[in-house]
Protein backbone atom coordinates (compact mmCIF):
# COMPACT_ATOMS: atom_id res chain seq x y z
CA MET A 1 -14.51 18.13 53.84
CA THR A 2 -12.32 15.21 54.95
CA TRP A 3 -10.84 12.92 52.33
CA GLU A 4 -13.10 10.10 53.56
CA ALA A 5 -16.20 12.25 52.95
CA ALA A 6 -14.86 13.28 49.55
CA ALA A 7 -14.36 9.63 48.66
CA VAL A 8 -17.94 8.77 49.63
CA GLU A 9 -19.28 11.70 47.61
CA ALA A 10 -17.24 10.65 44.57
CA SER A 11 -18.39 7.04 44.87
CA ARG A 12 -22.02 8.13 44.86
CA GLY A 13 -21.45 9.87 41.55
CA GLU A 14 -22.22 13.32 42.98
CA SER A 15 -18.75 14.51 42.05
CA GLU A 16 -15.92 12.65 40.38
CA ILE A 17 -13.40 15.14 41.76
CA GLY A 18 -12.26 14.84 45.37
CA ASN A 19 -11.17 17.91 47.35
CA PHE A 20 -10.05 17.81 50.98
CA VAL A 21 -7.48 19.20 53.41
CA LEU A 22 -4.97 17.20 55.47
CA SER A 23 -4.60 17.86 59.18
CA ASN A 24 -1.40 19.86 58.54
CA GLY A 25 -3.21 22.25 56.20
CA MET A 26 -2.24 20.82 52.80
CA GLU A 27 -5.10 20.98 50.31
CA VAL A 28 -5.60 17.97 48.03
CA VAL A 29 -7.50 17.65 44.76
CA VAL A 30 -8.03 14.26 43.13
CA ILE A 31 -9.20 14.03 39.50
CA PRO A 32 -9.91 10.39 38.62
CA ASP A 33 -9.42 9.43 34.96
CA HIS A 34 -9.30 5.71 34.29
CA ARG A 35 -8.92 5.75 30.51
CA VAL A 36 -5.17 5.03 30.59
CA PRO A 37 -2.97 3.59 33.37
CA ILE A 38 -0.97 6.72 34.15
CA VAL A 39 -1.16 9.39 36.83
CA THR A 40 0.21 12.91 37.25
CA GLN A 41 1.21 14.33 40.62
CA MET A 42 1.59 18.10 40.93
CA VAL A 43 2.63 19.95 44.08
CA TRP A 44 1.91 23.67 44.00
CA TYR A 45 3.42 26.15 46.44
CA LYS A 46 1.50 29.38 46.86
CA VAL A 47 4.54 31.55 46.29
CA GLY A 48 6.09 33.07 43.19
CA ASN A 49 8.36 35.88 42.15
CA ALA A 50 5.77 38.52 43.14
CA ASP A 51 6.34 37.41 46.76
CA GLU A 52 10.09 38.00 46.67
CA VAL A 53 11.91 40.49 48.88
CA PRO A 54 12.82 43.61 46.86
CA GLY A 55 16.34 43.30 45.50
CA LYS A 56 16.20 39.48 45.41
CA SER A 57 14.47 39.04 42.06
CA GLY A 58 14.68 35.52 40.67
CA ILE A 59 14.98 33.76 44.04
CA ALA A 60 11.70 31.82 43.56
CA HIS A 61 12.94 30.45 40.22
CA PHE A 62 16.42 29.83 41.64
CA LEU A 63 14.93 27.75 44.45
CA GLU A 64 12.90 25.77 41.92
CA HIS A 65 16.22 24.66 40.41
CA LEU A 66 17.77 23.96 43.81
CA MET A 67 14.87 21.74 44.84
CA PHE A 68 16.45 18.99 42.72
CA LYS A 69 19.69 19.03 44.75
CA GLY A 70 18.65 16.41 47.27
CA THR A 71 18.08 15.68 50.96
CA ASN A 72 19.74 13.41 53.52
CA GLU A 73 17.26 10.69 52.61
CA HIS A 74 17.60 11.11 48.84
CA PRO A 75 20.88 12.58 47.52
CA ALA A 76 20.99 14.90 44.53
CA GLY A 77 19.87 13.21 41.33
CA GLU A 78 18.15 10.24 42.97
CA PHE A 79 14.62 11.60 42.50
CA SER A 80 15.14 12.30 38.79
CA ALA A 81 16.89 8.97 38.32
CA LYS A 82 13.93 7.15 39.86
CA VAL A 83 11.47 8.96 37.57
CA ALA A 84 13.60 7.97 34.56
CA GLU A 85 13.90 4.38 35.80
CA LEU A 86 10.11 4.19 36.00
CA GLY A 87 9.77 5.54 32.48
CA GLY A 88 8.06 8.66 33.77
CA GLN A 89 8.33 12.37 33.12
CA GLU A 90 9.02 15.28 35.47
CA ASN A 91 9.45 19.02 35.43
CA ALA A 92 8.87 22.19 37.41
CA PHE A 93 7.95 25.81 36.70
CA THR A 94 7.72 29.16 38.43
CA SER A 95 5.34 32.06 37.85
CA SER A 96 4.55 35.33 39.55
CA ASP A 97 2.05 33.64 41.89
CA TYR A 98 3.11 30.00 42.32
CA THR A 99 5.82 27.37 41.90
CA ALA A 100 4.91 23.83 40.84
CA TYR A 101 6.62 20.43 40.58
CA PHE A 102 5.18 17.44 38.76
CA GLN A 103 5.76 13.84 37.74
CA THR A 104 3.81 11.57 35.42
CA VAL A 105 4.18 7.84 36.13
CA THR A 106 2.17 4.63 36.32
CA PRO A 107 -0.28 4.38 39.24
CA ASP A 108 1.79 1.75 41.09
CA SER A 109 4.64 4.30 41.30
CA LEU A 110 2.57 7.14 42.70
CA LEU A 111 3.33 6.40 46.35
CA THR A 112 7.06 6.50 45.60
CA MET A 113 6.67 9.90 43.92
CA MET A 114 4.70 11.19 46.89
CA GLU A 115 7.40 10.00 49.30
CA PHE A 116 10.13 11.79 47.34
CA GLU A 117 8.13 15.00 47.00
CA ALA A 118 7.10 15.05 50.66
CA ASP A 119 10.73 14.52 51.70
CA ARG A 120 12.05 17.54 49.83
CA MET A 121 9.21 19.75 51.06
CA ARG A 122 11.08 20.35 54.34
CA HIS A 123 14.42 18.52 54.15
CA LEU A 124 16.30 20.19 51.30
CA ILE A 125 20.06 20.44 51.83
CA LEU A 126 22.08 23.12 50.05
CA SER A 127 25.84 23.58 50.02
CA ASP A 128 28.16 26.05 48.32
CA ALA A 129 29.16 23.23 45.99
CA VAL A 130 25.71 23.29 44.37
CA ILE A 131 24.77 26.96 44.81
CA VAL A 132 27.34 28.58 42.51
CA PRO A 133 27.02 26.11 39.59
CA GLU A 134 23.20 26.31 39.70
CA ARG A 135 23.32 30.09 39.80
CA ASP A 136 25.42 29.94 36.65
CA VAL A 137 22.71 27.76 35.12
CA ILE A 138 19.95 30.30 35.73
CA LEU A 139 22.17 33.14 34.49
CA GLU A 140 22.72 31.25 31.27
CA GLU A 141 18.98 30.53 31.11
CA ARG A 142 18.31 34.26 31.24
CA ARG A 143 20.87 34.90 28.50
CA SER A 144 19.39 32.27 26.19
CA ARG A 145 15.68 32.87 26.88
CA ILE A 146 15.65 36.65 27.39
CA GLU A 147 18.82 38.39 26.24
CA GLU A 148 18.95 36.50 22.96
CA SER A 149 15.27 37.06 22.16
CA PRO A 150 14.07 40.53 21.11
CA GLU A 151 10.48 39.37 21.63
CA ALA A 152 11.22 38.35 25.22
CA LEU A 153 13.06 41.59 25.91
CA LEU A 154 10.10 43.63 24.68
CA ASP A 155 7.67 41.57 26.77
CA GLU A 156 9.85 42.21 29.81
CA GLU A 157 9.91 45.96 29.18
CA MET A 158 6.16 45.98 28.54
CA GLN A 159 5.51 44.37 31.94
CA ALA A 160 7.87 46.77 33.67
CA THR A 161 5.98 49.71 32.12
CA LEU A 162 2.44 48.35 32.48
CA TYR A 163 2.74 47.76 36.23
CA GLN A 164 3.82 50.95 37.97
CA ASN A 165 3.72 49.63 41.54
CA HIS A 166 2.83 45.93 41.64
CA PRO A 167 5.67 43.33 41.67
CA TYR A 168 4.23 41.78 38.49
CA ARG A 169 6.49 44.34 36.82
CA ILE A 170 9.52 42.24 37.81
CA PRO A 171 10.45 39.32 35.51
CA VAL A 172 9.95 35.85 36.94
CA ILE A 173 13.49 34.82 36.07
CA GLY A 174 14.81 37.99 37.72
CA TRP A 175 16.93 40.96 36.70
CA MET A 176 20.46 39.91 35.73
CA HIS A 177 22.25 42.24 38.17
CA GLU A 178 20.23 40.87 41.09
CA MET A 179 20.42 37.23 39.99
CA GLU A 180 24.22 37.46 40.03
CA ARG A 181 24.13 38.14 43.79
CA LEU A 182 21.70 35.40 44.84
CA ASN A 183 23.17 32.96 47.35
CA GLY A 184 22.39 29.93 49.46
CA GLY A 185 21.24 32.02 52.40
CA ASP A 186 18.67 33.78 50.22
CA ALA A 187 17.43 30.45 48.89
CA MET A 188 17.14 28.76 52.29
CA ALA A 189 15.36 31.77 53.82
CA PHE A 190 12.80 31.66 51.00
CA TYR A 191 12.47 27.88 51.33
CA ASP A 192 12.05 27.93 55.11
CA ARG A 193 9.38 30.61 54.90
CA TYR A 194 7.20 29.31 52.09
CA TYR A 195 7.76 25.56 51.56
CA ALA A 196 5.41 23.83 53.97
CA PRO A 197 2.25 21.72 53.66
CA ASN A 198 -0.06 24.52 54.82
CA ASN A 199 1.21 26.66 51.91
CA ALA A 200 0.93 23.87 49.34
CA ILE A 201 -1.64 22.14 47.15
CA LEU A 202 -1.42 18.55 45.98
CA VAL A 203 -3.21 17.73 42.72
CA ILE A 204 -3.41 14.11 41.56
CA ALA A 205 -4.97 13.40 38.15
CA GLY A 206 -5.18 9.98 36.55
CA ASP A 207 -5.96 6.32 37.10
CA VAL A 208 -6.59 6.53 40.85
CA ASP A 209 -9.51 6.85 43.23
CA VAL A 210 -10.08 9.42 45.96
CA ALA A 211 -9.88 7.00 48.88
CA ARG A 212 -6.54 5.51 47.82
CA VAL A 213 -5.01 8.93 47.24
CA GLY A 214 -6.32 10.06 50.61
CA ASN A 215 -4.57 7.17 52.35
CA MET A 216 -1.30 7.78 50.51
CA ALA A 217 -1.42 11.53 51.13
CA GLU A 218 -1.86 10.98 54.87
CA GLU A 219 0.99 8.44 54.84
CA THR A 220 3.42 10.81 53.11
CA TYR A 221 2.52 14.50 53.16
CA GLY A 222 0.42 14.11 56.31
CA ARG A 223 3.59 13.39 58.28
CA VAL A 224 5.23 16.68 57.30
CA PRO A 225 4.89 19.20 60.16
CA ARG A 226 2.78 22.25 59.55
CA GLY A 227 4.86 25.34 58.78
CA ARG A 228 4.63 28.83 60.18
CA GLU A 229 1.37 30.70 59.73
CA LEU A 230 1.87 33.05 56.82
CA PRO A 231 0.13 36.41 56.60
CA PRO A 232 -2.34 37.05 53.76
CA ARG A 233 -0.69 37.53 50.38
CA VAL A 234 -1.12 41.30 50.21
CA ARG A 235 1.12 42.95 47.62
CA PRO A 236 1.48 46.62 46.64
CA GLN A 237 -1.41 47.41 44.29
CA GLU A 238 -1.63 49.55 41.19
CA PRO A 239 -2.56 53.23 41.42
CA GLU A 240 -5.05 54.66 38.94
CA GLN A 241 -3.45 54.60 35.51
CA ASN A 242 -4.08 57.77 33.54
CA THR A 243 -1.47 57.88 30.79
CA LYS A 244 -0.75 56.16 27.52
CA ARG A 245 2.81 54.87 27.43
CA THR A 246 4.86 53.65 24.47
CA VAL A 247 7.71 51.14 24.49
CA VAL A 248 9.85 50.76 21.37
CA LEU A 249 12.54 48.11 20.92
CA THR A 250 14.66 48.17 17.78
CA ASP A 251 16.99 45.27 17.15
CA PRO A 252 18.90 44.04 14.09
CA ARG A 253 17.73 40.49 14.86
CA VAL A 254 14.10 41.44 14.22
CA THR A 255 12.89 40.28 10.80
CA MET A 256 9.16 40.76 11.33
CA PRO A 257 7.96 43.91 13.12
CA SER A 258 5.05 43.62 15.53
CA PHE A 259 2.72 45.69 17.65
CA GLN A 260 1.07 44.99 21.00
CA GLU A 261 -1.08 46.93 23.42
CA ALA A 262 -1.86 46.02 27.03
CA TRP A 263 -4.13 47.18 29.83
CA VAL A 264 -4.30 46.40 33.55
CA VAL A 265 -7.61 44.61 34.18
CA PRO A 266 -9.05 42.56 37.07
CA SER A 267 -8.33 38.85 37.39
CA TYR A 268 -10.80 36.11 38.31
CA ARG A 269 -9.95 36.68 41.96
CA THR A 270 -10.24 40.48 41.95
CA ALA A 271 -13.04 41.08 39.41
CA GLU A 272 -16.63 41.95 40.13
CA PRO A 273 -18.97 38.98 39.52
CA GLY A 274 -19.09 38.15 35.82
CA GLU A 275 -16.37 40.59 34.72
CA ALA A 276 -13.55 38.06 34.36
CA GLU A 277 -15.76 35.69 32.35
CA SER A 278 -16.76 38.65 30.17
CA LEU A 279 -13.11 39.58 29.62
CA ASP A 280 -12.38 35.97 28.65
CA LEU A 281 -15.18 36.08 26.09
CA LEU A 282 -14.07 39.51 24.85
CA SER A 283 -10.57 38.19 24.17
CA GLU A 284 -12.04 35.17 22.36
CA ILE A 285 -14.31 37.34 20.19
CA LEU A 286 -11.58 39.85 19.36
CA GLY A 287 -8.59 37.60 18.81
CA GLY A 288 -9.11 34.07 20.05
CA GLY A 289 -8.53 32.20 16.80
CA THR A 290 -9.42 31.99 13.13
CA ARG A 291 -13.08 32.87 13.76
CA SER A 292 -12.21 36.02 15.73
CA ARG A 293 -12.85 39.56 14.54
CA PHE A 294 -9.14 40.38 14.28
CA TYR A 295 -8.36 37.33 12.16
CA GLN A 296 -11.35 37.66 9.87
CA GLU A 297 -10.89 41.40 9.28
CA LEU A 298 -7.09 41.78 9.19
CA VAL A 299 -5.89 38.41 7.90
CA VAL A 300 -8.74 37.11 5.73
CA LYS A 301 -10.60 40.17 4.49
CA ARG A 302 -7.94 42.89 4.24
CA GLY A 303 -4.80 40.75 4.10
CA ILE A 304 -2.72 43.27 6.04
CA ALA A 305 -1.70 41.04 8.95
CA SER A 306 0.14 37.75 9.22
CA SER A 307 -1.21 37.35 12.75
CA ALA A 308 -3.57 39.15 15.11
CA SER A 309 -4.63 37.99 18.57
CA ALA A 310 -5.95 38.94 21.99
CA TYR A 311 -5.25 37.35 25.36
CA PHE A 312 -6.65 37.74 28.87
CA GLU A 313 -4.38 36.42 31.65
CA GLY A 314 -7.26 35.72 34.00
CA MET A 315 -5.77 33.35 36.56
CA SER A 316 -3.65 35.74 38.62
CA LEU A 317 -3.80 36.52 42.31
CA ASP A 318 -3.96 40.27 41.68
CA ALA A 319 -4.97 42.61 38.85
CA THR A 320 -3.77 41.19 35.57
CA SER A 321 -3.44 42.14 31.90
CA PHE A 322 -5.44 42.14 28.69
CA THR A 323 -3.20 42.20 25.61
CA ILE A 324 -3.74 42.55 21.86
CA HIS A 325 -1.09 41.76 19.25
CA GLY A 326 -0.55 42.03 15.52
CA SER A 327 2.13 41.64 12.84
CA PRO A 328 1.92 43.07 9.32
CA ARG A 329 1.96 41.00 6.14
CA GLY A 330 3.72 41.85 2.90
CA GLU A 331 4.00 45.60 2.33
CA ALA A 332 1.52 46.51 5.03
CA LYS A 333 2.74 48.75 7.85
CA ILE A 334 2.32 48.41 11.58
CA ASP A 335 0.31 51.64 11.62
CA ALA A 336 -2.34 50.01 9.43
CA VAL A 337 -2.43 46.88 11.61
CA GLN A 338 -2.69 48.90 14.81
CA ASP A 339 -5.42 51.13 13.40
CA ALA A 340 -7.45 48.13 12.21
CA ILE A 341 -7.12 46.30 15.54
CA GLU A 342 -8.11 49.35 17.55
CA ALA A 343 -11.04 49.96 15.17
CA GLU A 344 -12.42 46.51 16.03
CA ILE A 345 -12.26 47.36 19.73
CA ARG A 346 -14.08 50.64 19.14
CA LYS A 347 -16.81 48.78 17.23
CA ILE A 348 -17.51 46.60 20.26
CA ILE A 349 -17.42 49.56 22.63
CA ARG A 350 -19.87 51.43 20.40
CA ALA A 351 -22.15 48.67 19.10
CA GLY A 352 -21.44 45.61 21.23
CA VAL A 353 -21.27 42.02 20.04
CA THR A 354 -23.92 39.93 18.32
CA GLU A 355 -25.73 37.11 20.05
CA VAL A 356 -24.48 34.72 17.38
CA GLU A 357 -20.78 35.49 17.84
CA LEU A 358 -21.19 35.51 21.62
CA GLU A 359 -22.74 32.05 21.55
CA LYS A 360 -19.97 30.76 19.29
CA ALA A 361 -17.32 32.24 21.60
CA LYS A 362 -18.96 30.60 24.61
CA ASN A 363 -18.96 27.26 22.80
CA ARG A 364 -15.26 27.56 21.98
CA LEU A 365 -14.30 28.46 25.55
CA VAL A 366 -16.39 25.72 27.15
CA ARG A 367 -15.15 23.14 24.65
CA SER A 368 -11.57 24.09 25.51
CA MET A 369 -12.25 22.86 29.05
CA ILE A 370 -13.80 19.65 27.69
CA PHE A 371 -10.83 19.06 25.40
CA ALA A 372 -8.45 19.67 28.32
CA ARG A 373 -9.83 16.52 29.94
CA ASP A 374 -7.94 14.54 27.31
CA SER A 375 -4.76 15.44 29.20
CA GLN A 376 -4.40 14.49 32.84
CA ALA A 377 -1.51 16.90 33.22
CA GLU A 378 -3.56 19.74 31.72
CA MET A 379 -6.45 19.09 34.08
CA ALA A 380 -4.07 18.99 37.04
CA LYS A 381 -2.63 22.31 35.87
CA ILE A 382 -6.06 23.94 35.49
CA PHE A 383 -7.01 23.06 39.06
CA GLY A 384 -3.57 23.86 40.45
CA VAL A 385 -3.40 27.33 38.90
CA ALA A 386 -6.92 28.11 40.11
CA LEU A 387 -6.32 27.04 43.70
CA ALA A 388 -2.92 28.76 43.85
CA THR A 389 -4.49 32.06 42.77
CA GLY A 390 -7.43 32.20 45.14
CA SER A 391 -10.14 30.19 43.38
CA THR A 392 -11.60 26.87 44.56
CA ALA A 393 -12.15 23.48 42.96
CA GLU A 394 -15.85 24.31 42.87
CA ASP A 395 -15.08 27.53 40.98
CA VAL A 396 -13.30 25.49 38.31
CA GLN A 397 -16.17 23.05 37.99
CA LYS A 398 -18.78 25.81 37.73
CA TRP A 399 -16.77 27.96 35.31
CA PRO A 400 -18.58 26.69 32.17
CA GLU A 401 -21.91 27.56 33.75
CA ARG A 402 -20.73 31.08 34.58
CA VAL A 403 -19.40 31.58 31.04
CA ARG A 404 -22.74 30.45 29.62
CA GLY A 405 -24.47 33.11 31.72
CA VAL A 406 -22.56 36.12 30.33
CA THR A 407 -24.65 38.54 28.25
CA ALA A 408 -23.68 40.60 25.21
CA ALA A 409 -24.21 43.75 27.27
CA GLU A 410 -21.67 42.53 29.85
CA VAL A 411 -19.03 41.92 27.18
CA GLN A 412 -19.59 45.41 25.79
CA ALA A 413 -19.42 46.85 29.30
CA VAL A 414 -15.97 45.43 30.12
CA ALA A 415 -14.63 46.58 26.75
CA ARG A 416 -15.87 50.10 27.45
CA LYS A 417 -14.67 50.06 31.06
CA TYR A 418 -11.18 48.63 30.64
CA LEU A 419 -9.91 49.00 27.04
CA ASN A 420 -9.34 52.73 27.16
CA PRO A 421 -6.55 53.59 24.68
CA ASP A 422 -5.49 56.52 26.85
CA ARG A 423 -4.58 54.15 29.70
CA SER A 424 -2.62 51.50 27.86
CA VAL A 425 0.94 50.54 27.10
CA VAL A 426 1.75 50.18 23.40
CA GLY A 427 4.83 48.25 22.34
CA TYR A 428 6.61 48.12 19.00
CA LEU A 429 9.23 45.58 17.97
CA LEU A 430 11.11 46.94 14.98
CA PRO A 431 14.06 46.10 12.75
CA ARG A 432 16.83 48.57 13.51
CA GLU A 433 17.03 49.92 9.95
CA ASN A 434 13.47 51.30 10.21
CA ALA A 435 13.89 53.08 13.52
CA SER A 436 15.72 56.21 12.39
CA SER A 437 13.16 57.02 9.69
CA GLY A 438 10.22 56.55 12.05
CA ASP A 439 8.72 54.15 9.51
CA ARG A 440 6.82 51.61 11.67
CA ARG A 441 6.42 48.45 9.60
């Protein structure tokens, strides 16, 4: 669909969200929201740390930092200074599957933001003078975010154990010993390969209309030459997992022990029809909040846990993870928390879920999408993540309908199929003084 056709469709009220592709291959999504006079621009590149060359871990995140170092047209710092001058906000982030850059400004400043962002899509300039200091920045970021956090270290080791073959096992920020060797040549090679309009998605959410955004997109991004044709994003996949693995981290900085267990499960892109929605509902029923089975049984009824949760990381390009977590309360031990959490999973595998709790879980999930509309940035992120991981704008819009269609039998089926305790990774975070006695608290 051209942007002109999308604008006509939106004006007729058939769809308030515009979705079209520029002639150079850049996909555009426009989410009008006229409640307040602000707008968020997000540019998503369909590349993340799972696309890195082996031995160059962290290069995707490193390049995210370097993207603020300027071009011939706009020297380093000018873009950020302009955002600040306009009273706006900006940031960027990297994941395993994508890298995104965003600004939130008033609508009359949107064209300026698009000009800046389009310029650095292909015209980044890097010199040794900026490479070494920025590499020091990301090394310090790893020290502060990972090395100084026992929780982050355990999460990193859990990922490295859960994924035996897929690059999701590698941390987004990178391994320290490989980050220390990253250089400007690595960064520019990554940039030249992946940063181009035909590997990017533009999401605009806010006080704009589809036709105006279409004109501005053509005027700015439309002038950027199409990049090389990239092959399909095919990564090494996971073999059949047939063992239960345990990861234990003891650290004197730990004051509250915790337990987690994770499984490799399909994502929205890789799942059979209905399975991902069922996994989403399963995580909500088990540990999605104060009305969940974990919370009601472990925190309210038995009082043995200070927290208990479940999470399904559904929006991934490849097979993803389903994780449960719990921390003991008072004199309770981790063994008791783990046993109680796993007992709740066995109950669903054996007896399923009730129609009442399924309906309540559906309501909570669907309402979360409704509530997200209160934030333009959140809506832009929802669409951006989906499109960067193989879904479409239509998939996002029809997601509530698909969730509503899930049956209790389907939720039970995915629990039975995927949450096999003999094919999981169990992680324990323990205070060092408890490790030698084997007393898991």
